[in-house]
Amino acid sequence: MIRAGLPELTAFVAIAEQRSFSGAARTLGVSPSALSHSMRGLEARLELRLFNRTTRSVALTEAGEQLFNRVQPLLGDLECAVNDVTSERNTPSGTIRLSASESSFKPLIRHVMPKFFQDNPQIHIECIADSRLVDIVADGFDAGIRLLDDVPRDMIAVRFGPDIRFAAVASPEYLSLHPAPLAPHDLKAHRCIRFRFASGTLFRWDLGHLGRTASIDVDGPMTMDNLNLMTEAALAGIGIAWLPEHQVDDHLREGRLVHLLPDWGPYYPGACLYYPANRHPPMALRMFADAVRQWARDQQELVQPCTG
């Protein structure tokens, strides 16, 4: 029987996740040379090459990929089991790594995290703001935040946000120089501010009203990857922006922006905290998900109509 010790497998997973011996060594608190020696010993006993190494990069071989896919979830479950046992006698602790867009983080930072940190001072949350639709498992995150329609089917989703409506908006200054569009296809003649995902994909403007739909490939002077900057560009009179309505509520109310084609703004199911369903989640993540779930329930109760 070929034996591989837990320290070796832990080291192997760390190197695979970091794609770097030096990065894994820093994470594990050992020297790169010790880590390299450990992997050479593991590969010798398995009679398999697990990594392809160059002076600049480290990549898994096919055999290494197979081993990583089997071992990583098992080590995660083992860590969770140890954390759960120790949490029975200790204050809940640990780090939760979250991936989301900047705007998706805001409601949780404002309404959930202050009390959560007050109740759980030993838990740390690392927020990575990114407009990409990342693979949270492959990229080493515990959870992510996305609109419900974008959550992979093999994930647990905790919905906390209301439906999101998109709106075409422009400043009064822009509209003083350009006639307001009266129908969706009029947008093709306007200067529009576009959004590009980190993947490189441009966000199309999909409008809908009373069963009719229109998908407009607009053009304009600016393309951005940040909703806040798109809002600033619209306020500056550069063009028409296609933004979530909640992003520009205050500006619409104060008259700094004008809502164009208001009947054509589509609704999308709101934001969700999501995490893998096929793993035993760490206690810190379970507690945070419960806090998000409770806040969402409280919000729903506040908007319920009174009866009787």
C-alpha atoms as a PDB file:
ATOM      1  CA  MET A   1       0.000   0.000   0.000  1.00  0.00           C
ATOM      2  CA  ILE A   2       1.291   3.455  -0.940  1.00  0.00           C
ATOM      3  CA  ARG A   3       1.017   5.824   1.997  1.00  0.00           C
ATOM      4  CA  ALA A   4       0.831   9.596   1.853  1.00  0.00           C
ATOM      5  CA  GLY A   5       0.861  11.498   5.112  1.00  0.00           C
ATOM      6  CA  LEU A   6      -1.505  14.323   5.986  1.00  0.00           C
ATOM      7  CA  PRO A   7       1.307  16.943   6.058  1.00  0.00           C
ATOM      8  CA  GLU A   8       2.373  15.928   2.529  1.00  0.00           C
ATOM      9  CA  LEU A   9      -1.179  16.089   1.202  1.00  0.00           C
ATOM     10  CA  THR A  10      -1.739  19.433   2.910  1.00  0.00           C
ATOM     11  CA  ALA A  11       1.443  20.732   1.291  1.00  0.00           C
ATOM     12  CA  PHE A  12       0.398  19.312  -2.088  1.00  0.00           C
ATOM     13  CA  VAL A  13      -2.996  21.069  -1.946  1.00  0.00           C
ATOM     14  CA  ALA A  14      -1.401  24.359  -0.863  1.00  0.00           C
ATOM     15  CA  ILE A  15       1.031  24.292  -3.806  1.00  0.00           C
ATOM     16  CA  ALA A  16      -1.779  23.397  -6.233  1.00  0.00           C
ATOM     17  CA  GLU A  17      -3.963  26.252  -4.954  1.00  0.00           C
ATOM     18  CA  GLN A  18      -1.159  28.809  -4.967  1.00  0.00           C
ATOM     19  CA  ARG A  19       0.437  27.539  -8.210  1.00  0.00           C
ATOM     20  CA  SER A  20       3.657  28.402  -6.435  1.00  0.00           C
ATOM     21  CA  PHE A  21       6.069  26.639  -4.091  1.00  0.00           C
ATOM     22  CA  SER A  22       7.152  29.921  -2.499  1.00  0.00           C
ATOM     23  CA  GLY A  23       3.537  31.090  -2.027  1.00  0.00           C
ATOM     24  CA  ALA A  24       2.557  27.754  -0.464  1.00  0.00           C
ATOM     25  CA  ALA A  25       5.635  27.865   1.767  1.00  0.00           C
ATOM     26  CA  ARG A  26       4.582  31.275   3.128  1.00  0.00           C
ATOM     27  CA  THR A  27       1.057  29.980   3.758  1.00  0.00           C
ATOM     28  CA  LEU A  28       2.317  26.886   5.578  1.00  0.00           C
ATOM     29  CA  GLY A  29       5.179  28.612   7.406  1.00  0.00           C
ATOM     30  CA  VAL A  30       7.920  26.381   6.006  1.00  0.00           C
ATOM     31  CA  SER A  31      10.838  26.927   3.634  1.00  0.00           C
ATOM     32  CA  PRO A  32      10.412  26.413  -0.136  1.00  0.00           C
ATOM     33  CA  SER A  33      13.283  23.924  -0.106  1.00  0.00           C
ATOM     34  CA  ALA A  34      11.560  21.812   2.573  1.00  0.00           C
ATOM     35  CA  LEU A  35       8.339  21.909   0.551  1.00  0.00           C
ATOM     36  CA  SER A  36      10.146  20.892  -2.634  1.00  0.00           C
ATOM     37  CA  HIS A  37      11.880  18.015  -0.819  1.00  0.00           C
ATOM     38  CA  SER A  38       8.510  16.830   0.546  1.00  0.00           C
ATOM     39  CA  MET A  39       6.923  16.829  -2.920  1.00  0.00           C
ATOM     40  CA  ARG A  40       9.840  14.975  -4.478  1.00  0.00           C
ATOM     41  CA  GLY A  41       9.407  12.293  -1.821  1.00  0.00           C
ATOM     42  CA  LEU A  42       5.648  12.061  -2.442  1.00  0.00           C
ATOM     43  CA  GLU A  43       6.116  11.827  -6.222  1.00  0.00           C
ATOM     44  CA  ALA A  44       8.775   9.144  -5.780  1.00  0.00           C
ATOM     45  CA  ARG A  45       6.493   6.985  -3.623  1.00  0.00           C
ATOM     46  CA  LEU A  46       3.529   7.439  -5.961  1.00  0.00           C
ATOM     47  CA  GLU A  47       5.771   6.958  -9.008  1.00  0.00           C
ATOM     48  CA  LEU A  48       3.911   9.866 -10.579  1.00  0.00           C
ATOM     49  CA  ARG A  49       4.810  13.405 -11.505  1.00  0.00           C
ATOM     50  CA  LEU A  50       2.314  15.725  -9.837  1.00  0.00           C
ATOM     51  CA  PHE A  51       3.678  19.098 -10.988  1.00  0.00           C
ATOM     52  CA  ASN A  52       5.261  20.495 -14.113  1.00  0.00           C
ATOM     53  CA  ARG A  53       7.832  23.006 -12.878  1.00  0.00           C
ATOM     54  CA  THR A  54       9.622  25.771 -14.746  1.00  0.00           C
ATOM     55  CA  THR A  55      11.636  28.690 -13.408  1.00  0.00           C
ATOM     56  CA  ARG A  56       8.518  30.871 -13.671  1.00  0.00           C
ATOM     57  CA  SER A  57       5.510  28.656 -13.118  1.00  0.00           C
ATOM     58  CA  VAL A  58       4.098  25.569 -11.461  1.00  0.00           C
ATOM     59  CA  ALA A  59       1.237  23.614 -13.036  1.00  0.00           C
ATOM     60  CA  LEU A  60      -0.500  20.375 -12.151  1.00  0.00           C
ATOM     61  CA  THR A  61      -0.013  17.358 -14.384  1.00  0.00           C
ATOM     62  CA  GLU A  62      -3.059  15.296 -15.352  1.00  0.00           C
ATOM     63  CA  ALA A  63      -2.316  12.922 -12.460  1.00  0.00           C
ATOM     64  CA  GLY A  64      -1.822  15.898 -10.129  1.00  0.00           C
ATOM     65  CA  GLU A  65      -5.154  17.364 -11.215  1.00  0.00           C
ATOM     66  CA  GLN A  66      -6.918  14.075 -10.441  1.00  0.00           C
ATOM     67  CA  LEU A  67      -5.308  13.854  -7.010  1.00  0.00           C
ATOM     68  CA  PHE A  68      -6.085  17.512  -6.235  1.00  0.00           C
ATOM     69  CA  ASN A  69      -9.770  17.121  -7.160  1.00  0.00           C
ATOM     70  CA  ARG A  70     -10.076  14.174  -4.774  1.00  0.00           C
ATOM     71  CA  VAL A  71      -7.939  15.409  -1.894  1.00  0.00           C
ATOM     72  CA  GLN A  72      -8.902  19.100  -1.638  1.00  0.00           C
ATOM     73  CA  PRO A  73     -12.557  18.492  -0.604  1.00  0.00           C
ATOM     74  CA  LEU A  74     -11.478  15.833   1.899  1.00  0.00           C
ATOM     75  CA  LEU A  75      -8.963  18.141   3.561  1.00  0.00           C
ATOM     76  CA  GLY A  76     -11.590  20.895   3.640  1.00  0.00           C
ATOM     77  CA  ASP A  77     -14.047  18.566   5.380  1.00  0.00           C
ATOM     78  CA  LEU A  78     -11.337  17.477   7.834  1.00  0.00           C
ATOM     79  CA  GLU A  79     -10.526  21.096   8.690  1.00  0.00           C
ATOM     80  CA  CYS A  80     -14.217  21.851   9.181  1.00  0.00           C
ATOM     81  CA  ALA A  81     -14.626  18.828  11.453  1.00  0.00           C
ATOM     82  CA  VAL A  82     -11.737  19.977  13.647  1.00  0.00           C
ATOM     83  CA  ASN A  83     -13.072  23.544  13.698  1.00  0.00           C
ATOM     84  CA  ASP A  84     -16.547  22.350  14.666  1.00  0.00           C
ATOM     85  CA  VAL A  85     -15.207  20.244  17.538  1.00  0.00           C
ATOM     86  CA  THR A  86     -13.032  23.024  18.915  1.00  0.00           C
ATOM     87  CA  SER A  87     -15.788  25.606  18.519  1.00  0.00           C
ATOM     88  CA  GLU A  88     -17.872  23.677  21.021  1.00  0.00           C
ATOM     89  CA  ARG A  89     -15.512  24.897  23.713  1.00  0.00           C
ATOM     90  CA  ASN A  90     -14.056  28.031  22.126  1.00  0.00           C
ATOM     91  CA  THR A  91     -15.394  31.260  20.706  1.00  0.00           C
ATOM     92  CA  PRO A  92     -16.299  30.698  17.006  1.00  0.00           C
ATOM     93  CA  SER A  93     -13.401  31.843  14.852  1.00  0.00           C
ATOM     94  CA  GLY A  94     -11.953  31.599  11.387  1.00  0.00           C
ATOM     95  CA  THR A  95     -11.744  33.542   8.131  1.00  0.00           C
ATOM     96  CA  ILE A  96     -14.459  33.738   5.491  1.00  0.00           C
ATOM     97  CA  ARG A  97     -13.283  34.673   1.984  1.00  0.00           C
ATOM     98  CA  LEU A  98     -16.047  36.300  -0.073  1.00  0.00           C
ATOM     99  CA  SER A  99     -16.050  37.249  -3.756  1.00  0.00           C
ATOM    100  CA  ALA A 100     -18.537  39.794  -5.106  1.00  0.00           C
ATOM    101  CA  SER A 101     -18.879  43.035  -6.960  1.00  0.00           C
ATOM    102  CA  GLU A 102     -18.428  46.239  -4.997  1.00  0.00           C
ATOM    103  CA  SER A 103     -22.144  47.069  -5.123  1.00  0.00           C
ATOM    104  CA  SER A 104     -23.118  43.578  -3.932  1.00  0.00           C
ATOM    105  CA  PHE A 105     -21.030  43.936  -0.788  1.00  0.00           C
ATOM    106  CA  LYS A 106     -22.633  47.227   0.262  1.00  0.00           C
ATOM    107  CA  PRO A 107     -25.944  46.004   1.782  1.00  0.00           C
ATOM    108  CA  LEU A 108     -24.195  43.309   3.818  1.00  0.00           C
ATOM    109  CA  ILE A 109     -21.516  45.727   5.027  1.00  0.00           C
ATOM    110  CA  ARG A 110     -24.179  48.215   6.078  1.00  0.00           C
ATOM    111  CA  HIS A 111     -26.834  45.941   7.536  1.00  0.00           C
ATOM    112  CA  VAL A 112     -25.394  42.517   8.446  1.00  0.00           C
ATOM    113  CA  MET A 113     -21.700  42.734   9.229  1.00  0.00           C
ATOM    114  CA  PRO A 114     -21.731  45.310  12.075  1.00  0.00           C
ATOM    115  CA  LYS A 115     -23.874  43.132  14.375  1.00  0.00           C
ATOM    116  CA  PHE A 116     -22.231  39.939  13.104  1.00  0.00           C
ATOM    117  CA  PHE A 117     -18.780  41.188  14.107  1.00  0.00           C
ATOM    118  CA  GLN A 118     -20.129  42.426  17.432  1.00  0.00           C
ATOM    119  CA  ASP A 119     -21.517  38.952  18.178  1.00  0.00           C
ATOM    120  CA  ASN A 120     -18.528  37.082  16.720  1.00  0.00           C
ATOM    121  CA  PRO A 121     -15.357  39.094  17.361  1.00  0.00           C
ATOM    122  CA  GLN A 122     -13.030  36.196  16.473  1.00  0.00           C
ATOM    123  CA  ILE A 123     -14.404  35.773  12.935  1.00  0.00           C
ATOM    124  CA  HIS A 124     -12.635  37.605  10.122  1.00  0.00           C
ATOM    125  CA  ILE A 125     -14.223  38.290   6.712  1.00  0.00           C
ATOM    126  CA  GLU A 126     -12.030  38.945   3.691  1.00  0.00           C
ATOM    127  CA  CYS A 127     -13.973  40.773   0.947  1.00  0.00           C
ATOM    128  CA  ILE A 128     -12.545  40.594  -2.583  1.00  0.00           C
ATOM    129  CA  ALA A 129     -14.401  43.007  -4.886  1.00  0.00           C
ATOM    130  CA  ASP A 130     -14.365  41.726  -8.463  1.00  0.00           C
ATOM    131  CA  SER A 131     -16.768  42.178 -11.370  1.00  0.00           C
ATOM    132  CA  ARG A 132     -15.877  38.733 -12.776  1.00  0.00           C
ATOM    133  CA  LEU A 133     -18.186  35.760 -12.332  1.00  0.00           C
ATOM    134  CA  VAL A 134     -15.450  33.779 -10.619  1.00  0.00           C
ATOM    135  CA  ASP A 135     -15.407  30.071  -9.849  1.00  0.00           C
ATOM    136  CA  ILE A 136     -15.386  30.359  -6.062  1.00  0.00           C
ATOM    137  CA  VAL A 137     -14.191  26.777  -5.555  1.00  0.00           C
ATOM    138  CA  ALA A 138     -11.319  26.952  -8.050  1.00  0.00           C
ATOM    139  CA  ASP A 139     -10.288  30.425  -6.840  1.00  0.00           C
ATOM    140  CA  GLY A 140     -10.236  29.485  -3.151  1.00  0.00           C
ATOM    141  CA  PHE A 141     -13.278  31.419  -1.894  1.00  0.00           C
ATOM    142  CA  ASP A 142     -15.669  30.178   0.756  1.00  0.00           C
ATOM    143  CA  ALA A 143     -18.662  31.951  -0.770  1.00  0.00           C
ATOM    144  CA  GLY A 144     -19.701  34.523  -3.330  1.00  0.00           C
ATOM    145  CA  ILE A 145     -22.494  36.958  -4.058  1.00  0.00           C
ATOM    146  CA  ARG A 146     -24.350  37.020  -7.377  1.00  0.00           C
ATOM    147  CA  LEU A 147     -27.798  37.638  -8.790  1.00  0.00           C
ATOM    148  CA  LEU A 148     -29.912  34.512  -8.347  1.00  0.00           C
ATOM    149  CA  ASP A 149     -29.980  33.745 -12.098  1.00  0.00           C
ATOM    150  CA  ASP A 150     -26.165  33.585 -12.137  1.00  0.00           C
ATOM    151  CA  VAL A 151     -25.748  31.204  -9.183  1.00  0.00           C
ATOM    152  CA  PRO A 152     -24.559  27.739 -10.331  1.00  0.00           C
ATOM    153  CA  ARG A 153     -27.145  25.016  -9.750  1.00  0.00           C
ATOM    154  CA  ASP A 154     -24.872  22.972  -7.482  1.00  0.00           C
ATOM    155  CA  MET A 155     -24.670  25.786  -4.906  1.00  0.00           C
ATOM    156  CA  ILE A 156     -26.710  26.682  -1.835  1.00  0.00           C
ATOM    157  CA  ALA A 157     -28.159  30.179  -2.351  1.00  0.00           C
ATOM    158  CA  VAL A 158     -29.274  32.494   0.466  1.00  0.00           C
ATOM    159  CA  ARG A 159     -31.240  35.279  -1.176  1.00  0.00           C
ATOM    160  CA  PHE A 160     -31.108  38.614   0.613  1.00  0.00           C
ATOM    161  CA  GLY A 161     -31.666  41.288  -2.022  1.00  0.00           C
ATOM    162  CA  PRO A 162     -34.879  42.578  -3.611  1.00  0.00           C
ATOM    163  CA  ASP A 163     -35.487  42.211  -7.334  1.00  0.00           C
ATOM    164  CA  ILE A 164     -33.157  44.473  -9.291  1.00  0.00           C
ATOM    165  CA  ARG A 165     -34.478  46.701 -12.045  1.00  0.00           C
ATOM    166  CA  PHE A 166     -32.233  48.213 -14.693  1.00  0.00           C
ATOM    167  CA  ALA A 167     -32.724  51.753 -15.943  1.00  0.00           C
ATOM    168  CA  ALA A 168     -31.407  53.875 -18.804  1.00  0.00           C
ATOM    169  CA  VAL A 169     -30.409  57.233 -17.301  1.00  0.00           C
ATOM    170  CA  ALA A 170     -28.897  60.473 -18.524  1.00  0.00           C
ATOM    171  CA  SER A 171     -28.267  63.937 -17.143  1.00  0.00           C
ATOM    172  CA  PRO A 172     -30.455  66.958 -17.998  1.00  0.00           C
ATOM    173  CA  GLU A 173     -27.371  68.501 -19.636  1.00  0.00           C
ATOM    174  CA  TYR A 174     -27.048  65.545 -22.011  1.00  0.00           C
ATOM    175  CA  LEU A 175     -30.766  65.655 -22.846  1.00  0.00           C
ATOM    176  CA  SER A 176     -30.582  69.379 -23.590  1.00  0.00           C
ATOM    177  CA  LEU A 177     -28.316  68.483 -26.529  1.00  0.00           C
ATOM    178  CA  HIS A 178     -29.879  65.155 -27.564  1.00  0.00           C
ATOM    179  CA  PRO A 179     -33.608  64.313 -27.850  1.00  0.00           C
ATOM    180  CA  ALA A 180     -34.692  61.644 -25.352  1.00  0.00           C
ATOM    181  CA  PRO A 181     -35.193  58.184 -26.876  1.00  0.00           C
ATOM    182  CA  LEU A 182     -38.855  57.264 -27.322  1.00  0.00           C
ATOM    183  CA  ALA A 183     -38.317  53.550 -28.068  1.00  0.00           C
ATOM    184  CA  PRO A 184     -35.514  51.080 -27.324  1.00  0.00           C
ATOM    185  CA  HIS A 185     -34.021  51.158 -30.826  1.00  0.00           C
ATOM    186  CA  ASP A 186     -33.632  54.937 -30.554  1.00  0.00           C
ATOM    187  CA  LEU A 187     -30.740  54.159 -28.186  1.00  0.00           C
ATOM    188  CA  LYS A 188     -28.593  53.120 -31.151  1.00  0.00           C
ATOM    189  CA  ALA A 189     -28.440  56.776 -32.203  1.00  0.00           C
ATOM    190  CA  HIS A 190     -27.252  57.911 -28.744  1.00  0.00           C
ATOM    191  CA  ARG A 191     -23.911  58.170 -26.990  1.00  0.00           C
ATOM    192  CA  CYS A 192     -24.041  55.322 -24.490  1.00  0.00           C
ATOM    193  CA  ILE A 193     -21.779  54.309 -21.608  1.00  0.00           C
ATOM    194  CA  ARG A 194     -21.113  50.568 -21.692  1.00  0.00           C
ATOM    195  CA  PHE A 195     -20.096  48.024 -19.047  1.00  0.00           C
ATOM    196  CA  ARG A 196     -17.469  45.370 -19.728  1.00  0.00           C
ATOM    197  CA  PHE A 197     -17.032  42.346 -17.473  1.00  0.00           C
ATOM    198  CA  ALA A 198     -13.517  41.387 -16.429  1.00  0.00           C
ATOM    199  CA  SER A 199     -13.878  38.382 -18.754  1.00  0.00           C
ATOM    200  CA  GLY A 200     -13.998  40.842 -21.655  1.00  0.00           C
ATOM    201  CA  THR A 201     -17.705  40.395 -22.397  1.00  0.00           C
ATOM    202  CA  LEU A 202     -19.710  43.545 -23.050  1.00  0.00           C
ATOM    203  CA  PHE A 203     -23.012  43.838 -21.189  1.00  0.00           C
ATOM    204  CA  ARG A 204     -25.908  44.058 -23.660  1.00  0.00           C
ATOM    205  CA  TRP A 205     -28.897  46.245 -22.939  1.00  0.00           C
ATOM    206  CA  ASP A 206     -31.868  43.859 -22.694  1.00  0.00           C
ATOM    207  CA  LEU A 207     -35.161  45.740 -22.373  1.00  0.00           C
ATOM    208  CA  GLY A 208     -38.684  44.424 -21.997  1.00  0.00           C
ATOM    209  CA  HIS A 209     -42.271  45.688 -21.771  1.00  0.00           C
ATOM    210  CA  LEU A 210     -45.617  43.826 -21.853  1.00  0.00           C
ATOM    211  CA  GLY A 211     -44.116  40.698 -23.344  1.00  0.00           C
ATOM    212  CA  ARG A 212     -42.017  42.544 -25.911  1.00  0.00           C
ATOM    213  CA  THR A 213     -38.233  42.432 -25.675  1.00  0.00           C
ATOM    214  CA  ALA A 214     -35.369  44.300 -27.274  1.00  0.00           C
ATOM    215  CA  SER A 215     -31.655  43.509 -26.999  1.00  0.00           C
ATOM    216  CA  ILE A 216     -29.711  46.586 -28.046  1.00  0.00           C
ATOM    217  CA  ASP A 217     -26.016  46.582 -28.910  1.00  0.00           C
ATOM    218  CA  VAL A 218     -25.411  50.256 -28.150  1.00  0.00           C
ATOM    219  CA  ASP A 219     -22.375  52.358 -28.988  1.00  0.00           C
ATOM    220  CA  GLY A 220     -20.734  55.310 -27.314  1.00  0.00           C
ATOM    221  CA  PRO A 221     -17.605  57.094 -26.144  1.00  0.00           C
ATOM    222  CA  MET A 222     -16.887  55.110 -22.966  1.00  0.00           C
ATOM    223  CA  THR A 223     -16.675  51.521 -21.723  1.00  0.00           C
ATOM    224  CA  MET A 224     -16.130  50.874 -18.009  1.00  0.00           C
ATOM    225  CA  ASP A 225     -15.961  48.017 -15.517  1.00  0.00           C
ATOM    226  CA  ASN A 226     -17.281  49.894 -12.485  1.00  0.00           C
ATOM    227  CA  LEU A 227     -20.881  50.952 -11.803  1.00  0.00           C
ATOM    228  CA  ASN A 228     -19.846  53.907  -9.647  1.00  0.00           C
ATOM    229  CA  LEU A 229     -17.710  55.314 -12.454  1.00  0.00           C
ATOM    230  CA  MET A 230     -20.520  54.752 -14.957  1.00  0.00           C
ATOM    231  CA  THR A 231     -22.796  56.774 -12.684  1.00  0.00           C
ATOM    232  CA  GLU A 232     -20.239  59.578 -12.565  1.00  0.00           C
ATOM    233  CA  ALA A 233     -19.955  59.555 -16.351  1.00  0.00           C
ATOM    234  CA  ALA A 234     -23.734  59.857 -16.709  1.00  0.00           C
ATOM    235  CA  LEU A 235     -23.813  62.714 -14.177  1.00  0.00           C
ATOM    236  CA  ALA A 236     -21.099  64.469 -16.186  1.00  0.00           C
ATOM    237  CA  GLY A 237     -23.329  64.442 -19.272  1.00  0.00           C
ATOM    238  CA  ILE A 238     -21.129  62.079 -21.284  1.00  0.00           C
ATOM    239  CA  GLY A 239     -23.997  59.832 -22.334  1.00  0.00           C
ATOM    240  CA  ILE A 240     -26.748  57.393 -21.373  1.00  0.00           C
ATOM    241  CA  ALA A 241     -25.875  54.690 -18.841  1.00  0.00           C
ATOM    242  CA  TRP A 242     -27.667  51.381 -18.218  1.00  0.00           C
ATOM    243  CA  LEU A 243     -27.553  50.857 -14.443  1.00  0.00           C
ATOM    244  CA  PRO A 244     -29.384  49.133 -11.593  1.00  0.00           C
ATOM    245  CA  GLU A 245     -32.099  51.526 -10.446  1.00  0.00           C
ATOM    246  CA  HIS A 246     -30.994  51.359  -6.804  1.00  0.00           C
ATOM    247  CA  GLN A 247     -27.566  52.614  -7.927  1.00  0.00           C
ATOM    248  CA  VAL A 248     -29.039  55.944  -9.059  1.00  0.00           C
ATOM    249  CA  ASP A 249     -32.175  56.353  -6.875  1.00  0.00           C
ATOM    250  CA  ASP A 250     -30.878  59.453  -5.119  1.00  0.00           C
ATOM    251  CA  HIS A 251     -29.777  61.103  -8.354  1.00  0.00           C
ATOM    252  CA  LEU A 252     -33.168  60.449  -9.981  1.00  0.00           C
ATOM    253  CA  ARG A 253     -34.997  61.801  -6.948  1.00  0.00           C
ATOM    254  CA  GLU A 254     -32.848  64.951  -6.852  1.00  0.00           C
ATOM    255  CA  GLY A 255     -33.155  65.526 -10.608  1.00  0.00           C
ATOM    256  CA  ARG A 256     -29.464  65.057 -11.370  1.00  0.00           C
ATOM    257  CA  LEU A 257     -30.389  62.165 -13.665  1.00  0.00           C
ATOM    258  CA  VAL A 258     -33.486  61.440 -15.760  1.00  0.00           C
ATOM    259  CA  HIS A 259     -35.035  57.966 -16.115  1.00  0.00           C
ATOM    260  CA  LEU A 260     -35.435  57.187 -19.831  1.00  0.00           C
ATOM    261  CA  LEU A 261     -37.823  54.574 -21.261  1.00  0.00           C
ATOM    262  CA  PRO A 262     -39.090  53.806 -17.728  1.00  0.00           C
ATOM    263  CA  ASP A 263     -41.619  51.197 -18.919  1.00  0.00           C
ATOM    264  CA  TRP A 264     -38.865  49.109 -20.526  1.00  0.00           C
ATOM    265  CA  GLY A 265     -36.674  48.415 -17.488  1.00  0.00           C
ATOM    266  CA  PRO A 266     -36.488  44.643 -16.835  1.00  0.00           C
ATOM    267  CA  TYR A 267     -36.438  43.066 -13.374  1.00  0.00           C
ATOM    268  CA  TYR A 268     -33.987  40.370 -12.279  1.00  0.00           C
ATOM    269  CA  PRO A 269     -34.100  38.207  -9.118  1.00  0.00           C
ATOM    270  CA  GLY A 270     -31.981  39.831  -6.418  1.00  0.00           C
ATOM    271  CA  ALA A 271     -28.608  39.090  -4.878  1.00  0.00           C
ATOM    272  CA  CYS A 272     -27.720  35.848  -3.107  1.00  0.00           C
ATOM    273  CA  LEU A 273     -24.941  34.655  -0.864  1.00  0.00           C
ATOM    274  CA  TYR A 274     -23.975  31.252  -2.279  1.00  0.00           C
ATOM    275  CA  TYR A 275     -21.571  28.450  -1.407  1.00  0.00           C
ATOM    276  CA  PRO A 276     -20.983  24.795  -2.413  1.00  0.00           C
ATOM    277  CA  ALA A 277     -23.774  22.369  -1.532  1.00  0.00           C
ATOM    278  CA  ASN A 278     -21.557  19.286  -1.725  1.00  0.00           C
ATOM    279  CA  ARG A 279     -19.242  20.316   1.100  1.00  0.00           C
ATOM    280  CA  HIS A 280     -19.498  20.681   4.834  1.00  0.00           C
ATOM    281  CA  PRO A 281     -19.259  24.472   5.212  1.00  0.00           C
ATOM    282  CA  PRO A 282     -17.022  25.905   7.953  1.00  0.00           C
ATOM    283  CA  MET A 283     -18.877  26.969  11.082  1.00  0.00           C
ATOM    284  CA  ALA A 284     -17.945  30.631  10.539  1.00  0.00           C
ATOM    285  CA  LEU A 285     -19.553  30.538   7.095  1.00  0.00           C
ATOM    286  CA  ARG A 286     -22.661  28.767   8.403  1.00  0.00           C
ATOM    287  CA  MET A 287     -23.049  31.427  11.076  1.00  0.00           C
ATOM    288  CA  PHE A 288     -22.636  34.242   8.555  1.00  0.00           C
ATOM    289  CA  ALA A 289     -25.138  32.614   6.167  1.00  0.00           C
ATOM    290  CA  ASP A 290     -27.611  32.353   9.067  1.00  0.00           C
ATOM    291  CA  ALA A 291     -27.104  36.063   9.829  1.00  0.00           C
ATOM    292  CA  VAL A 292     -27.766  36.971   6.185  1.00  0.00           C
ATOM    293  CA  ARG A 293     -30.813  34.687   6.107  1.00  0.00           C
ATOM    294  CA  GLN A 294     -32.236  36.243   9.285  1.00  0.00           C
ATOM    295  CA  TRP A 295     -31.720  39.798   7.995  1.00  0.00           C
ATOM    296  CA  ALA A 296     -33.467  38.862   4.737  1.00  0.00           C
ATOM    297  CA  ARG A 297     -36.421  37.449   6.721  1.00  0.00           C
ATOM    298  CA  ASP A 298     -36.593  40.602   8.844  1.00  0.00           C
ATOM    299  CA  GLN A 299     -36.618  42.757   5.701  1.00  0.00           C
ATOM    300  CA  GLN A 300     -39.386  40.663   4.185  1.00  0.00           C
ATOM    301  CA  GLU A 301     -41.519  41.006   7.291  1.00  0.00           C
ATOM    302  CA  LEU A 302     -41.101  44.793   7.232  1.00  0.00           C
ATOM    303  CA  VAL A 303     -42.605  45.043   3.735  1.00  0.00           C
ATOM    304  CA  GLN A 304     -45.480  42.613   4.359  1.00  0.00           C
ATOM    305  CA  PRO A 305     -48.846  44.410   4.188  1.00  0.00           C
ATOM    306  CA  CYS A 306     -50.753  44.641   7.443  1.00  0.00           C
ATOM    307  CA  THR A 307     -54.001  42.627   7.513  1.00  0.00           C
ATOM    308  CA  GLY A 308     -56.928  42.470   9.874  1.00  0.00           C
END
